[in-house]
Amino acid sequence: MAENTKPVLRFAPSPTGMLHIGGARTALFNWLYARHTGGTFLLRIEDTDRERSTPEAVAAILNGMRWMGLDWDGPEIFQFARAARHRDVAEQLLAAGKAYRCYATAEELTEMREAQKAAKQPLRYDGRWRDRNPGPAEQGKPFVVRLKSRQEGETIVSDVVLGEVRFENSQLDDMVLLRSDGTPTYMLAVVVDDFDMGVTHVIRGADHLNNAARQLQIIEAMGWPRPVYGHLPLINGPDGAKLSKRHGALAVEAYQGMGYLPETMRNYLLRLGWSHGDDEIISTEQAIAWFNFESIGKSAARMDYKKLDNLNGHYIRATSDEVLTAETVAFLERLTPPVPLSETARERLRAAMPSLKERAKTLLELSQAAEFLFTDGPRTLDEAAAKLLSPEGRAGLTAILPALEATDWTGTALEAAARAHAESHGLKLGQVAQPLRAALTGKASSPPLFEMLALLGRAESLNRLRAYASS
């Protein structure tokens, strides 16, 4: 490993599915520490499981990383392409007497495990080929290459999150390095890749903690330096059980599809297991400046979807109208089917954005509230709007139309006309405004009514209102 004055971190997902929330948090923590220290953040696709790895999953991981704003340094590295190098290391261990060929058949191993199970012993390889040399009977027969691991003492994983974690070496069996077809195992490939990539810090989920003890055996056998380990507690659902589909979306891309902002996801995932005092809203710039391993919690974090919604509402309100308009347009274009906006619709959306973003928790909510701006003509009424436009509501609409037609088409003038009409007819303003809103937007709620009338203009507004007025 070349000497590095600055840390080198990596995110190493398996492309057997989407980029999940837990993986995204792992990537975020690695990225933050690399950016905090001026170090390097690498992306390695661990595609050694050829049956389950798919190009679609690779694309989903890369797209999820890009959407999250987690840029990596240099090209992504594909583990399978380095199989020859992994085999070379296994051969080095064989030559040094630190690995051996095991000719045990599948039937023998099954019989071994059944006997262990019957004796209520741990299920582990019993080392039957550890000190044997193959004879003529093994000539040409398949074999695996196993590590000759230490059998006495203990392996200590010094973990920046969990502290010192000790493993009895007697419980770590001689793991397979090369399968019988000559392909390297994941355990070997990870260690070789981390060494060759100069990785100094291995920060990953706590489900890899046992792997650390086993991988350290390979590292020690090769005489390579130990990386700094940090194993992140898992993310649970709101009920404290392991996060699963029943709790809600697991894939990062699903949150993009539901209308969450990448800034929100970075902030929210950061706070799932890391803290800085009582701060809840932490910008990416602050996160880079503050991030450290000491503030990572030791216990599992819980998803809180209400908190996620509130945080997203904050970031929506904090985003400039221009940027939020562009985000909303892009969101609509990603829908199935896509919702393309005309230039007129985009201008309306931009003009209405100050009001729209005050009440929206997601881009989905915002775009649904803005739907009446996207096309011209009479609206299709939702159930609540249809109730407001009862015969009585339509009659009220007919009654106020002359006052609106005679008014300057500004929000202030239109509101004054509506108030005067309500007073002269002994009505509350809401009794006048609600049918107007329903006819204008097709919904019972909307951004400020008189602002929207002014925004849509005299001709378009009156066209919509007349469509639902009594004939």
Protein backbone atom coordinates (compact mmCIF):
# COMPACT_ATOMS: atom_id res chain seq x y z
CA MET A 1 0.00 0.00 0.00
CA ALA A 2 1.42 3.34 -1.01
CA GLU A 3 1.86 5.82 1.78
CA ASN A 4 -0.97 8.28 2.07
CA THR A 5 -0.88 11.45 4.07
CA LYS A 6 -4.66 11.75 3.77
CA PRO A 7 -7.42 9.19 4.28
CA VAL A 8 -8.75 7.03 1.46
CA LEU A 9 -12.31 5.79 1.92
CA ARG A 10 -14.55 3.71 -0.25
CA PHE A 11 -18.17 2.76 -0.73
CA ALA A 12 -18.48 -0.77 -2.07
CA PRO A 13 -22.09 -1.79 -2.87
CA SER A 14 -23.11 -5.08 -4.48
CA PRO A 15 -25.18 -4.53 -7.65
CA THR A 16 -27.83 -7.07 -6.77
CA GLY A 17 -30.51 -4.46 -6.16
CA MET A 18 -31.17 -0.76 -5.70
CA LEU A 19 -29.18 1.66 -3.54
CA HIS A 20 -30.95 1.24 -0.21
CA ILE A 21 -31.25 3.75 2.61
CA GLY A 22 -28.67 1.94 4.73
CA GLY A 23 -26.18 1.85 1.89
CA ALA A 24 -26.79 5.51 1.10
CA ARG A 25 -26.03 6.43 4.73
CA THR A 26 -22.82 4.38 4.61
CA ALA A 27 -21.81 6.15 1.39
CA LEU A 28 -22.66 9.52 2.96
CA PHE A 29 -20.52 8.93 6.07
CA ASN A 30 -17.54 7.81 3.97
CA TRP A 31 -17.99 10.77 1.62
CA LEU A 32 -18.28 13.27 4.47
CA TYR A 33 -15.12 12.04 6.18
CA ALA A 34 -13.17 12.11 2.92
CA ARG A 35 -14.33 15.64 2.18
CA HIS A 36 -13.76 16.73 5.81
CA THR A 37 -10.15 15.54 5.74
CA GLY A 38 -9.36 16.45 2.14
CA GLY A 39 -9.00 12.73 1.50
CA THR A 40 -10.20 10.49 -1.33
CA PHE A 41 -13.60 8.85 -1.76
CA LEU A 42 -13.69 5.84 -4.08
CA LEU A 43 -16.60 3.83 -5.49
CA ARG A 44 -16.16 0.08 -5.99
CA ILE A 45 -18.91 -2.08 -7.45
CA GLU A 46 -18.62 -5.53 -5.86
CA ASP A 47 -20.03 -7.55 -8.74
CA THR A 48 -18.46 -10.94 -8.02
CA ASP A 49 -21.90 -12.54 -7.61
CA ARG A 50 -22.38 -12.92 -11.36
CA GLU A 51 -25.80 -14.56 -11.15
CA ARG A 52 -27.40 -11.76 -9.15
CA SER A 53 -25.45 -8.71 -10.38
CA THR A 54 -27.26 -6.78 -13.10
CA PRO A 55 -26.50 -3.72 -15.26
CA GLU A 56 -29.80 -2.23 -14.08
CA ALA A 57 -28.69 -2.44 -10.44
CA VAL A 58 -25.32 -0.85 -11.32
CA ALA A 59 -27.17 2.01 -13.05
CA ALA A 60 -29.51 2.39 -10.04
CA ILE A 61 -26.55 2.65 -7.65
CA LEU A 62 -24.74 5.21 -9.80
CA ASN A 63 -27.93 7.24 -10.34
CA GLY A 64 -28.74 7.14 -6.63
CA MET A 65 -25.24 8.32 -5.72
CA ARG A 66 -25.39 11.15 -8.25
CA TRP A 67 -28.84 12.24 -7.08
CA MET A 68 -27.62 12.28 -3.48
CA GLY A 69 -24.74 14.52 -4.60
CA LEU A 70 -22.12 12.01 -3.43
CA ASP A 71 -19.44 12.44 -6.06
CA TRP A 72 -16.58 9.96 -6.09
CA ASP A 73 -12.96 10.46 -7.07
CA GLY A 74 -11.78 8.76 -10.24
CA PRO A 75 -13.68 6.10 -12.21
CA GLU A 76 -15.78 3.49 -10.47
CA ILE A 77 -13.95 0.18 -9.99
CA PHE A 78 -15.55 -3.17 -10.84
CA GLN A 79 -14.42 -5.99 -8.59
CA PHE A 80 -15.01 -8.86 -11.03
CA ALA A 81 -12.58 -7.33 -13.52
CA ARG A 82 -9.81 -7.80 -10.92
CA ALA A 83 -10.33 -11.55 -10.43
CA ALA A 84 -6.87 -12.43 -11.81
CA ARG A 85 -5.25 -10.23 -9.17
CA HIS A 86 -7.32 -11.87 -6.42
CA ARG A 87 -6.24 -15.33 -7.60
CA ASP A 88 -2.61 -14.18 -7.64
CA VAL A 89 -2.82 -13.27 -3.93
CA ALA A 90 -4.33 -16.68 -3.13
CA GLU A 91 -1.42 -18.31 -4.97
CA GLN A 92 1.02 -16.19 -2.94
CA LEU A 93 -0.58 -17.44 0.29
CA LEU A 94 -0.40 -21.03 -0.95
CA ALA A 95 3.29 -20.65 -1.81
CA ALA A 96 4.00 -19.18 1.64
CA GLY A 97 2.25 -22.06 3.40
CA LYS A 98 -0.46 -19.72 4.70
CA ALA A 99 -3.20 -21.35 2.64
CA TYR A 100 -3.86 -24.90 1.50
CA ARG A 101 -5.82 -26.96 -0.96
CA CYS A 102 -8.92 -28.64 0.42
CA TYR A 103 -10.28 -31.63 -1.53
CA ALA A 104 -13.29 -32.26 0.69
CA THR A 105 -16.32 -33.07 -1.47
CA ALA A 106 -19.75 -31.51 -1.08
CA GLU A 107 -21.02 -34.82 0.32
CA GLU A 108 -18.23 -34.95 2.90
CA LEU A 109 -18.93 -31.39 4.02
CA THR A 110 -22.66 -32.10 4.30
CA GLU A 111 -21.89 -35.21 6.41
CA MET A 112 -19.53 -33.11 8.58
CA ARG A 113 -22.20 -30.47 9.22
CA GLU A 114 -24.86 -33.09 10.00
CA ALA A 115 -22.56 -34.67 12.58
CA GLN A 116 -21.83 -31.26 14.13
CA LYS A 117 -25.52 -30.48 14.23
CA ALA A 118 -26.30 -33.80 15.92
CA ALA A 119 -23.59 -33.12 18.50
CA LYS A 120 -24.93 -29.58 18.97
CA GLN A 121 -21.57 -28.15 17.93
CA PRO A 122 -21.00 -24.93 15.95
CA LEU A 123 -21.22 -25.52 12.19
CA ARG A 124 -17.74 -24.81 10.90
CA TYR A 125 -15.13 -26.41 8.68
CA ASP A 126 -13.09 -28.86 10.76
CA GLY A 127 -9.72 -28.33 9.07
CA ARG A 128 -9.53 -31.89 7.73
CA TRP A 129 -7.19 -30.86 4.89
CA ARG A 130 -5.24 -28.28 6.86
CA ASP A 131 -2.18 -30.49 7.42
CA ARG A 132 -2.62 -33.05 4.67
CA ASN A 133 -0.84 -33.28 1.35
CA PRO A 134 -2.81 -34.50 -1.66
CA GLY A 135 -1.88 -37.96 -2.89
CA PRO A 136 -2.46 -39.83 -6.17
CA ALA A 137 -6.14 -40.25 -5.30
CA GLU A 138 -6.62 -36.44 -5.46
CA GLN A 139 -4.87 -36.06 -8.82
CA GLY A 140 -7.11 -34.03 -11.15
CA LYS A 141 -9.90 -33.71 -8.59
CA PRO A 142 -11.47 -30.31 -7.79
CA PHE A 143 -10.32 -28.42 -4.72
CA VAL A 144 -10.84 -25.10 -2.98
CA VAL A 145 -8.10 -22.97 -1.51
CA ARG A 146 -8.57 -22.20 2.18
CA LEU A 147 -6.76 -19.77 4.45
CA LYS A 148 -4.72 -21.39 7.21
CA SER A 149 -6.08 -19.10 9.89
CA ARG A 150 -4.70 -18.76 13.40
CA GLN A 151 -6.37 -21.21 15.77
CA GLU A 152 -5.19 -19.82 19.09
CA GLY A 153 -5.56 -16.47 20.80
CA GLU A 154 -7.96 -13.82 19.57
CA THR A 155 -8.41 -11.32 16.79
CA ILE A 156 -9.16 -7.80 17.99
CA VAL A 157 -11.03 -5.40 15.75
CA SER A 158 -10.28 -1.84 16.88
CA ASP A 159 -13.43 -0.06 15.80
CA VAL A 160 -13.84 3.72 15.82
CA VAL A 161 -17.57 3.31 16.47
CA LEU A 162 -17.88 0.20 18.64
CA GLY A 163 -14.51 0.21 20.40
CA GLU A 164 -12.45 -2.98 20.76
CA VAL A 165 -14.33 -6.07 19.60
CA ARG A 166 -12.68 -9.43 20.36
CA PHE A 167 -13.09 -12.69 18.46
CA GLU A 168 -11.75 -16.05 19.62
CA ASN A 169 -9.64 -17.45 16.79
CA SER A 170 -10.87 -20.93 17.67
CA GLN A 171 -14.27 -19.77 16.38
CA LEU A 172 -12.91 -18.55 13.03
CA ASP A 173 -12.58 -21.48 10.63
CA ASP A 174 -10.32 -21.76 7.60
CA MET A 175 -12.39 -19.80 5.11
CA VAL A 176 -12.40 -20.41 1.38
CA LEU A 177 -10.29 -18.01 -0.71
CA LEU A 178 -10.72 -19.65 -4.13
CA ARG A 179 -13.70 -21.77 -5.11
CA SER A 180 -13.28 -25.04 -6.95
CA ASP A 181 -13.77 -23.27 -10.30
CA GLY A 182 -10.90 -20.92 -9.46
CA THR A 183 -13.09 -17.86 -8.80
CA PRO A 184 -12.12 -15.76 -5.77
CA THR A 185 -14.52 -15.36 -2.87
CA TYR A 186 -15.91 -12.03 -1.74
CA MET A 187 -13.84 -12.14 1.47
CA LEU A 188 -10.57 -12.37 -0.44
CA ALA A 189 -11.55 -9.86 -3.12
CA VAL A 190 -12.50 -7.18 -0.59
CA VAL A 191 -9.17 -7.37 1.23
CA VAL A 192 -7.08 -7.33 -1.96
CA ASP A 193 -9.05 -4.46 -3.47
CA ASP A 194 -8.83 -2.36 -0.31
CA PHE A 195 -5.06 -2.87 -0.22
CA ASP A 196 -4.53 -2.14 -3.90
CA MET A 197 -6.77 0.94 -3.75
CA GLY A 198 -4.86 2.28 -0.76
CA VAL A 199 -7.96 2.29 1.45
CA THR A 200 -7.09 3.55 4.93
CA HIS A 201 -10.58 3.54 6.50
CA VAL A 202 -13.23 0.84 6.09
CA ILE A 203 -16.53 2.36 7.25
CA ARG A 204 -19.53 0.08 6.65
CA GLY A 205 -22.61 -1.46 8.25
CA ALA A 206 -22.42 -3.41 11.50
CA ASP A 207 -23.54 -6.52 9.62
CA HIS A 208 -19.94 -6.68 8.33
CA LEU A 209 -18.36 -6.75 11.80
CA ASN A 210 -17.76 -10.53 11.73
CA ASN A 211 -16.22 -10.11 8.29
CA ALA A 212 -13.65 -7.73 9.75
CA ALA A 213 -12.25 -10.41 12.05
CA ARG A 214 -11.96 -12.88 9.17
CA GLN A 215 -10.54 -10.34 6.74
CA LEU A 216 -7.91 -9.31 9.29
CA GLN A 217 -6.61 -12.89 9.13
CA ILE A 218 -5.90 -12.42 5.40
CA ILE A 219 -4.39 -8.98 6.00
CA GLU A 220 -2.05 -10.37 8.66
CA ALA A 221 -1.10 -13.37 6.49
CA MET A 222 -0.08 -10.98 3.69
CA GLY A 223 1.73 -8.62 6.06
CA TRP A 224 -0.40 -5.69 4.95
CA PRO A 225 -1.30 -2.71 7.17
CA ARG A 226 -4.63 -2.78 8.98
CA PRO A 227 -7.20 -0.22 7.87
CA VAL A 228 -9.15 1.78 10.42
CA TYR A 229 -12.50 0.03 10.91
CA GLY A 230 -15.83 1.61 11.73
CA HIS A 231 -19.05 -0.40 11.76
CA LEU A 232 -22.28 1.59 11.67
CA PRO A 233 -25.31 0.39 13.65
CA LEU A 234 -28.20 -0.61 11.42
CA ILE A 235 -31.30 1.44 10.65
CA ASN A 236 -34.58 0.19 12.11
CA GLY A 237 -38.15 1.01 11.26
CA PRO A 238 -40.24 3.34 13.46
CA ASP A 239 -41.31 0.33 15.54
CA GLY A 240 -37.73 -0.66 16.35
CA ALA A 241 -37.78 -3.75 14.11
CA LYS A 242 -35.29 -4.19 11.30
CA LEU A 243 -36.11 -1.81 8.44
CA SER A 244 -38.11 -3.63 5.77
CA LYS A 245 -40.53 -2.96 2.92
CA ARG A 246 -43.48 -2.98 5.32
CA HIS A 247 -42.05 0.20 6.91
CA GLY A 248 -42.00 2.04 3.59
CA ALA A 249 -39.62 2.60 0.70
CA LEU A 250 -36.13 1.15 1.01
CA ALA A 251 -34.50 2.38 -2.22
CA VAL A 252 -33.07 5.88 -2.48
CA GLU A 253 -34.60 6.31 -5.94
CA ALA A 254 -38.05 5.79 -4.42
CA TYR A 255 -37.53 8.85 -2.21
CA GLN A 256 -36.55 10.84 -5.27
CA GLY A 257 -39.76 9.62 -6.91
CA MET A 258 -41.81 10.69 -3.87
CA GLY A 259 -40.49 14.23 -4.17
CA TYR A 260 -37.78 14.50 -1.53
CA LEU A 261 -34.81 16.77 -2.16
CA PRO A 262 -31.23 15.46 -2.10
CA GLU A 263 -30.36 18.10 0.53
CA THR A 264 -33.07 16.62 2.74
CA MET A 265 -31.80 13.08 2.32
CA ARG A 266 -28.22 14.08 3.14
CA ASN A 267 -29.35 15.92 6.28
CA TYR A 268 -31.79 13.20 7.35
CA LEU A 269 -29.43 10.26 6.82
CA LEU A 270 -26.64 12.15 8.59
CA ARG A 271 -28.85 12.47 11.69
CA LEU A 272 -29.71 8.75 11.55
CA GLY A 273 -26.88 7.74 13.83
CA TRP A 274 -24.74 10.90 14.02
CA SER A 275 -25.27 14.05 16.05
CA HIS A 276 -23.85 17.50 16.59
CA GLY A 277 -25.34 18.74 19.84
CA ASP A 278 -29.04 19.37 19.39
CA ASP A 279 -28.71 20.50 15.77
CA GLU A 280 -31.36 18.97 13.52
CA ILE A 281 -30.99 21.10 10.39
CA ILE A 282 -27.42 20.67 9.19
CA SER A 283 -26.36 21.93 5.77
CA THR A 284 -23.98 19.87 3.69
CA GLU A 285 -21.28 22.49 4.22
CA GLN A 286 -21.72 22.23 7.99
CA ALA A 287 -21.76 18.44 7.82
CA ILE A 288 -18.41 18.40 5.99
CA ALA A 289 -16.91 20.83 8.50
CA TRP A 290 -18.22 18.98 11.58
CA PHE A 291 -18.18 15.29 10.66
CA ASN A 292 -16.21 12.93 12.86
CA PHE A 293 -16.37 9.30 13.97
CA GLU A 294 -16.69 10.13 17.66
CA SER A 295 -20.24 11.42 17.20
CA ILE A 296 -21.56 8.24 15.57
CA GLY A 297 -24.01 6.50 17.89
CA LYS A 298 -23.52 2.89 18.97
CA SER A 299 -27.17 1.87 18.88
CA ALA A 300 -29.52 1.40 15.94
CA ALA A 301 -31.26 4.47 14.55
CA ARG A 302 -35.00 4.59 13.80
CA MET A 303 -36.65 5.93 10.68
CA ASP A 304 -39.09 8.74 11.46
CA TYR A 305 -41.10 9.59 8.35
CA LYS A 306 -42.86 12.56 9.93
CA LYS A 307 -39.48 14.10 10.74
CA LEU A 308 -38.35 13.39 7.17
CA ASP A 309 -41.43 15.20 5.80
CA ASN A 310 -40.92 18.20 8.07
CA LEU A 311 -37.25 18.40 7.13
CA ASN A 312 -38.11 18.25 3.44
CA GLY A 313 -40.64 21.06 3.94
CA HIS A 314 -37.85 23.13 5.45
CA TYR A 315 -35.54 22.56 2.50
CA ILE A 316 -38.32 23.26 0.02
CA ARG A 317 -38.97 26.63 1.67
CA ALA A 318 -35.23 27.36 1.83
CA THR A 319 -34.67 26.64 -1.87
CA SER A 320 -34.75 29.59 -4.26
CA ASP A 321 -37.83 29.90 -6.46
CA GLU A 322 -35.77 29.43 -9.63
CA VAL A 323 -34.06 26.27 -8.41
CA LEU A 324 -37.26 24.84 -6.97
CA THR A 325 -39.10 25.50 -10.23
CA ALA A 326 -36.39 23.60 -12.11
CA GLU A 327 -36.56 20.75 -9.55
CA THR A 328 -40.34 20.56 -9.92
CA VAL A 329 -40.19 20.57 -13.71
CA ALA A 330 -37.61 17.74 -13.60
CA PHE A 331 -39.78 15.85 -11.10
CA LEU A 332 -42.83 16.11 -13.38
CA GLU A 333 -40.80 14.92 -16.37
CA ARG A 334 -39.73 11.79 -14.42
CA LEU A 335 -43.32 10.76 -13.68
CA THR A 336 -44.98 7.90 -15.55
CA PRO A 337 -46.36 9.17 -17.83
CA PRO A 338 -44.23 12.34 -17.90
CA VAL A 339 -45.92 15.72 -17.43
CA PRO A 340 -44.16 18.16 -19.77
CA LEU A 341 -44.79 21.86 -19.14
CA SER A 342 -45.19 24.58 -21.73
CA GLU A 343 -43.25 27.82 -21.37
CA THR A 344 -46.45 29.49 -20.15
CA ALA A 345 -46.94 26.79 -17.50
CA ARG A 346 -43.31 27.13 -16.35
CA GLU A 347 -43.68 30.89 -16.01
CA ARG A 348 -46.87 30.44 -13.99
CA LEU A 349 -45.18 27.84 -11.77
CA ARG A 350 -42.24 30.16 -11.15
CA ALA A 351 -44.55 33.08 -10.33
CA ALA A 352 -46.65 30.97 -7.95
CA MET A 353 -43.66 29.32 -6.27
CA PRO A 354 -43.44 31.70 -3.26
CA SER A 355 -46.96 30.65 -2.27
CA LEU A 356 -46.73 27.01 -3.37
CA LYS A 357 -43.63 26.18 -1.38
CA GLU A 358 -45.01 27.50 1.91
CA ARG A 359 -47.41 24.60 2.31
CA ALA A 360 -45.70 21.68 0.51
CA LYS A 361 -43.76 18.90 2.27
CA THR A 362 -42.66 17.18 -0.98
CA LEU A 363 -42.32 18.00 -4.66
CA LEU A 364 -45.22 15.62 -5.24
CA GLU A 365 -47.47 17.68 -2.96
CA LEU A 366 -46.20 20.89 -4.55
CA SER A 367 -46.82 19.69 -8.11
CA GLN A 368 -50.32 18.43 -7.20
CA ALA A 369 -51.17 21.81 -5.68
CA ALA A 370 -49.85 23.54 -8.82
CA GLU A 371 -51.66 21.32 -11.32
CA PHE A 372 -54.20 24.04 -12.19
CA LEU A 373 -51.34 26.15 -13.59
CA PHE A 374 -50.17 23.57 -16.12
CA THR A 375 -52.91 23.81 -18.75
CA ASP A 376 -55.63 26.24 -19.81
CA GLY A 377 -59.36 25.71 -19.83
CA PRO A 378 -62.01 24.58 -17.32
CA ARG A 379 -60.77 22.30 -14.55
CA THR A 380 -61.87 18.78 -13.72
CA LEU A 381 -63.27 19.00 -10.20
CA ASP A 382 -62.12 16.74 -7.39
CA GLU A 383 -64.75 15.51 -4.92
CA ALA A 384 -64.35 18.39 -2.48
CA ALA A 385 -64.50 21.02 -5.25
CA ALA A 386 -67.60 19.41 -6.73
CA LYS A 387 -69.37 19.78 -3.37
CA LEU A 388 -68.48 23.47 -3.27
CA LEU A 389 -69.95 23.93 -6.74
CA SER A 390 -73.42 22.75 -5.78
CA PRO A 391 -76.30 24.60 -7.43
CA GLU A 392 -76.04 27.15 -4.61
CA GLY A 393 -72.29 27.53 -5.16
CA ARG A 394 -72.75 27.98 -8.90
CA ALA A 395 -75.41 30.59 -8.30
CA GLY A 396 -72.99 32.46 -6.05
CA LEU A 397 -70.36 32.25 -8.79
CA THR A 398 -72.81 33.73 -11.29
CA ALA A 399 -73.64 36.54 -8.87
CA ILE A 400 -70.05 37.72 -8.38
CA LEU A 401 -68.91 37.47 -12.01
CA PRO A 402 -70.12 40.99 -13.01
CA ALA A 403 -68.17 42.55 -10.10
CA LEU A 404 -64.98 40.71 -11.13
CA GLU A 405 -65.44 41.55 -14.83
CA ALA A 406 -65.60 45.25 -13.93
CA THR A 407 -62.48 45.15 -11.70
CA ASP A 408 -58.83 45.89 -12.43
CA TRP A 409 -57.17 42.46 -12.70
CA THR A 410 -54.79 42.67 -9.75
CA GLY A 411 -54.84 40.58 -6.60
CA THR A 412 -55.60 43.58 -4.39
CA ALA A 413 -58.45 44.87 -6.57
CA LEU A 414 -59.98 41.41 -6.98
CA GLU A 415 -59.94 40.76 -3.24
CA ALA A 416 -61.52 44.18 -2.58
CA ALA A 417 -64.27 43.43 -5.11
CA ALA A 418 -64.95 40.03 -3.52
CA ARG A 419 -65.11 41.56 -0.02
CA ALA A 420 -67.48 44.29 -1.18
CA HIS A 421 -69.70 41.70 -2.88
CA ALA A 422 -69.75 39.55 0.27
CA GLU A 423 -70.68 42.51 2.50
CA SER A 424 -73.43 43.70 0.19
CA HIS A 425 -74.99 40.21 0.15
CA GLY A 426 -74.55 39.52 3.87
CA LEU A 427 -72.01 36.77 3.27
CA LYS A 428 -68.63 35.87 4.74
CA LEU A 429 -65.66 36.19 2.39
CA GLY A 430 -65.13 32.41 2.48
CA GLN A 431 -68.64 31.80 1.15
CA VAL A 432 -67.72 33.85 -1.91
CA ALA A 433 -64.13 32.69 -2.25
CA GLN A 434 -64.61 28.92 -1.96
CA PRO A 435 -66.72 28.45 -5.13
CA LEU A 436 -64.30 30.77 -6.94
CA ARG A 437 -61.37 28.61 -5.82
CA ALA A 438 -63.10 25.38 -6.81
CA ALA A 439 -63.87 26.64 -10.32
CA LEU A 440 -60.44 28.19 -10.80
CA THR A 441 -58.33 25.25 -9.57
CA GLY A 442 -60.59 22.19 -9.47
CA LYS A 443 -59.71 21.78 -5.78
CA ALA A 444 -61.00 22.97 -2.41
CA SER A 445 -57.60 24.31 -1.35
CA SER A 446 -54.99 26.27 -3.26
CA PRO A 447 -52.36 28.97 -2.92
CA PRO A 448 -53.87 32.42 -2.14
CA LEU A 449 -56.91 32.73 -4.39
CA PHE A 450 -56.66 36.34 -5.50
CA GLU A 451 -52.95 36.03 -6.27
CA MET A 452 -53.77 33.04 -8.48
CA LEU A 453 -56.56 34.91 -10.27
CA ALA A 454 -54.12 37.69 -11.07
CA LEU A 455 -51.44 35.21 -12.13
CA LEU A 456 -53.72 33.34 -14.55
CA GLY A 457 -54.95 36.61 -16.04
CA ARG A 458 -58.38 38.00 -16.81
CA ALA A 459 -59.24 35.93 -19.89
CA GLU A 460 -58.16 32.53 -18.56
CA SER A 461 -59.68 33.11 -15.11
CA LEU A 462 -63.04 34.25 -16.43
CA ASN A 463 -63.13 31.35 -18.88
CA ARG A 464 -62.77 28.88 -16.01
CA LEU A 465 -65.25 30.67 -13.75
CA ARG A 466 -67.92 30.99 -16.45
CA ALA A 467 -67.69 27.23 -17.14
CA TYR A 468 -69.17 26.52 -13.69
CA ALA A 469 -71.46 29.51 -13.28
CA SER A 470 -75.24 28.90 -13.50
CA SER A 471 -76.56 29.36 -17.00
